[in-house]
Amino acid sequence: MSIRGGQTAGKRWKGIMTKKEQFLAFVLVGAMAQDVTLGSNDCPVILHFAEQIPEENIPRNVANAAKVFLAFCNGVCLRPHGWMLARK
């Protein structure tokens, strides 16, 4: 039985991707763009560090969180934010 708005009987639809998967997708695209622009090969290292952040520590706005994380990786931010420091 399907209910309008993506809900099914007794279950609420939560989206196709988890918050962490969305965060990693934004980080991947940003890191790849950085590699192409700067001619670097930092994407694998940036993704490795992004994967270490637990899902519950990633802020609600995953696109902005990825932007802030990439800015830190590029040296724009002097110190990492608290949510970036938590590890699995």
C-alpha atoms as a PDB file:
ATOM      1  CA  MET A   1       0.000   0.000   0.000  1.00  0.00           C
ATOM      2  CA  SER A   2       1.538   3.260  -1.089  1.00  0.00           C
ATOM      3  CA  ILE A   3       0.776   6.588   0.552  1.00  0.00           C
ATOM      4  CA  ARG A   4       1.321   9.952  -1.111  1.00  0.00           C
ATOM      5  CA  GLY A   5       4.697  11.593  -0.504  1.00  0.00           C
ATOM      6  CA  GLY A   6       6.848   8.485  -0.711  1.00  0.00           C
ATOM      7  CA  GLN A   7       5.525   6.839   2.447  1.00  0.00           C
ATOM      8  CA  THR A   8       4.603   3.171   2.602  1.00  0.00           C
ATOM      9  CA  ALA A   9       2.497   1.354   5.181  1.00  0.00           C
ATOM     10  CA  GLY A  10       4.228   1.926   8.527  1.00  0.00           C
ATOM     11  CA  LYS A  11       7.553   3.117   7.064  1.00  0.00           C
ATOM     12  CA  ARG A  12       8.692   6.622   6.344  1.00  0.00           C
ATOM     13  CA  TRP A  13      10.768   7.109   3.199  1.00  0.00           C
ATOM     14  CA  LYS A  14      14.144   8.565   4.222  1.00  0.00           C
ATOM     15  CA  GLY A  15      15.710   9.153   0.838  1.00  0.00           C
ATOM     16  CA  ILE A  16      17.898   7.254  -1.543  1.00  0.00           C
ATOM     17  CA  MET A  17      21.222   8.128   0.089  1.00  0.00           C
ATOM     18  CA  THR A  18      22.239   8.403   3.718  1.00  0.00           C
ATOM     19  CA  LYS A  19      23.598  11.679   5.037  1.00  0.00           C
ATOM     20  CA  LYS A  20      27.132  10.286   4.963  1.00  0.00           C
ATOM     21  CA  GLU A  21      26.759   9.083   1.365  1.00  0.00           C
ATOM     22  CA  GLN A  22      25.522  12.531   0.338  1.00  0.00           C
ATOM     23  CA  PHE A  23      28.453  14.169   2.156  1.00  0.00           C
ATOM     24  CA  LEU A  24      30.954  11.845   0.489  1.00  0.00           C
ATOM     25  CA  ALA A  25      29.394  12.481  -2.933  1.00  0.00           C
ATOM     26  CA  PHE A  26      29.775  16.260  -2.515  1.00  0.00           C
ATOM     27  CA  VAL A  27      33.344  15.822  -1.240  1.00  0.00           C
ATOM     28  CA  LEU A  28      34.174  13.534  -4.178  1.00  0.00           C
ATOM     29  CA  VAL A  29      32.920  16.023  -6.765  1.00  0.00           C
ATOM     30  CA  GLY A  30      34.688  18.927  -5.060  1.00  0.00           C
ATOM     31  CA  ALA A  31      37.954  17.025  -4.654  1.00  0.00           C
ATOM     32  CA  MET A  32      37.887  15.894  -8.281  1.00  0.00           C
ATOM     33  CA  ALA A  33      37.249  19.467  -9.432  1.00  0.00           C
ATOM     34  CA  GLN A  34      40.164  20.612  -7.302  1.00  0.00           C
ATOM     35  CA  ASP A  35      42.435  17.949  -8.806  1.00  0.00           C
ATOM     36  CA  VAL A  36      41.528  18.999 -12.342  1.00  0.00           C
ATOM     37  CA  THR A  37      41.886  22.717 -11.606  1.00  0.00           C
ATOM     38  CA  LEU A  38      45.152  22.530  -9.658  1.00  0.00           C
ATOM     39  CA  GLY A  39      46.641  19.539 -11.437  1.00  0.00           C
ATOM     40  CA  SER A  40      47.016  17.733  -8.118  1.00  0.00           C
ATOM     41  CA  ASN A  41      46.236  14.185  -7.062  1.00  0.00           C
ATOM     42  CA  ASP A  42      44.770  14.808  -3.597  1.00  0.00           C
ATOM     43  CA  CYS A  43      41.313  13.310  -4.175  1.00  0.00           C
ATOM     44  CA  PRO A  44      42.051   9.855  -2.672  1.00  0.00           C
ATOM     45  CA  VAL A  45      43.570  11.340   0.482  1.00  0.00           C
ATOM     46  CA  ILE A  46      40.721  13.834   0.935  1.00  0.00           C
ATOM     47  CA  LEU A  47      38.150  11.042   0.524  1.00  0.00           C
ATOM     48  CA  HIS A  48      40.024   8.857   3.002  1.00  0.00           C
ATOM     49  CA  PHE A  49      39.813  11.569   5.667  1.00  0.00           C
ATOM     50  CA  ALA A  50      36.159  12.310   4.835  1.00  0.00           C
ATOM     51  CA  GLU A  51      35.268   8.623   5.253  1.00  0.00           C
ATOM     52  CA  GLN A  52      36.652   8.694   8.803  1.00  0.00           C
ATOM     53  CA  ILE A  53      34.012  11.210   9.971  1.00  0.00           C
ATOM     54  CA  PRO A  54      31.049   9.416  11.609  1.00  0.00           C
ATOM     55  CA  GLU A  55      27.639  10.086  10.075  1.00  0.00           C
ATOM     56  CA  GLU A  56      26.192  11.431  13.317  1.00  0.00           C
ATOM     57  CA  ASN A  57      28.857  14.177  13.421  1.00  0.00           C
ATOM     58  CA  ILE A  58      28.185  15.480   9.898  1.00  0.00           C
ATOM     59  CA  PRO A  59      26.050  18.659  10.056  1.00  0.00           C
ATOM     60  CA  ARG A  60      22.514  18.601   8.643  1.00  0.00           C
ATOM     61  CA  ASN A  61      23.418  20.685   5.591  1.00  0.00           C
ATOM     62  CA  VAL A  62      25.706  18.167   3.903  1.00  0.00           C
ATOM     63  CA  ALA A  63      26.528  20.373   0.909  1.00  0.00           C
ATOM     64  CA  ASN A  64      27.759  23.169   3.170  1.00  0.00           C
ATOM     65  CA  ALA A  65      29.597  20.655   5.376  1.00  0.00           C
ATOM     66  CA  ALA A  66      31.422  19.308   2.306  1.00  0.00           C
ATOM     67  CA  LYS A  67      32.305  22.861   1.244  1.00  0.00           C
ATOM     68  CA  VAL A  68      33.725  23.633   4.693  1.00  0.00           C
ATOM     69  CA  PHE A  69      35.612  20.328   4.779  1.00  0.00           C
ATOM     70  CA  LEU A  70      37.163  20.989   1.355  1.00  0.00           C
ATOM     71  CA  ALA A  71      38.104  24.526   2.408  1.00  0.00           C
ATOM     72  CA  PHE A  72      39.920  23.053   5.402  1.00  0.00           C
ATOM     73  CA  CYS A  73      41.680  20.517   3.164  1.00  0.00           C
ATOM     74  CA  ASN A  74      42.799  23.368   0.879  1.00  0.00           C
ATOM     75  CA  GLY A  75      44.259  25.306   3.799  1.00  0.00           C
ATOM     76  CA  VAL A  76      41.651  28.088   3.731  1.00  0.00           C
ATOM     77  CA  CYS A  77      40.616  27.348   7.344  1.00  0.00           C
ATOM     78  CA  LEU A  78      43.355  27.424   9.957  1.00  0.00           C
ATOM     79  CA  ARG A  79      41.752  24.909  12.324  1.00  0.00           C
ATOM     80  CA  PRO A  80      39.336  22.047  11.688  1.00  0.00           C
ATOM     81  CA  HIS A  81      35.794  22.291  13.045  1.00  0.00           C
ATOM     82  CA  GLY A  82      34.897  20.010  15.945  1.00  0.00           C
ATOM     83  CA  TRP A  83      32.737  17.713  13.834  1.00  0.00           C
ATOM     84  CA  MET A  84      35.697  17.019  11.535  1.00  0.00           C
ATOM     85  CA  LEU A  85      37.867  15.754  14.382  1.00  0.00           C
ATOM     86  CA  ALA A  86      35.632  12.886  15.484  1.00  0.00           C
ATOM     87  CA  ARG A  87      36.660   9.522  14.108  1.00  0.00           C
ATOM     88  CA  LYS A  88      34.993   6.117  13.892  1.00  0.00           C
END
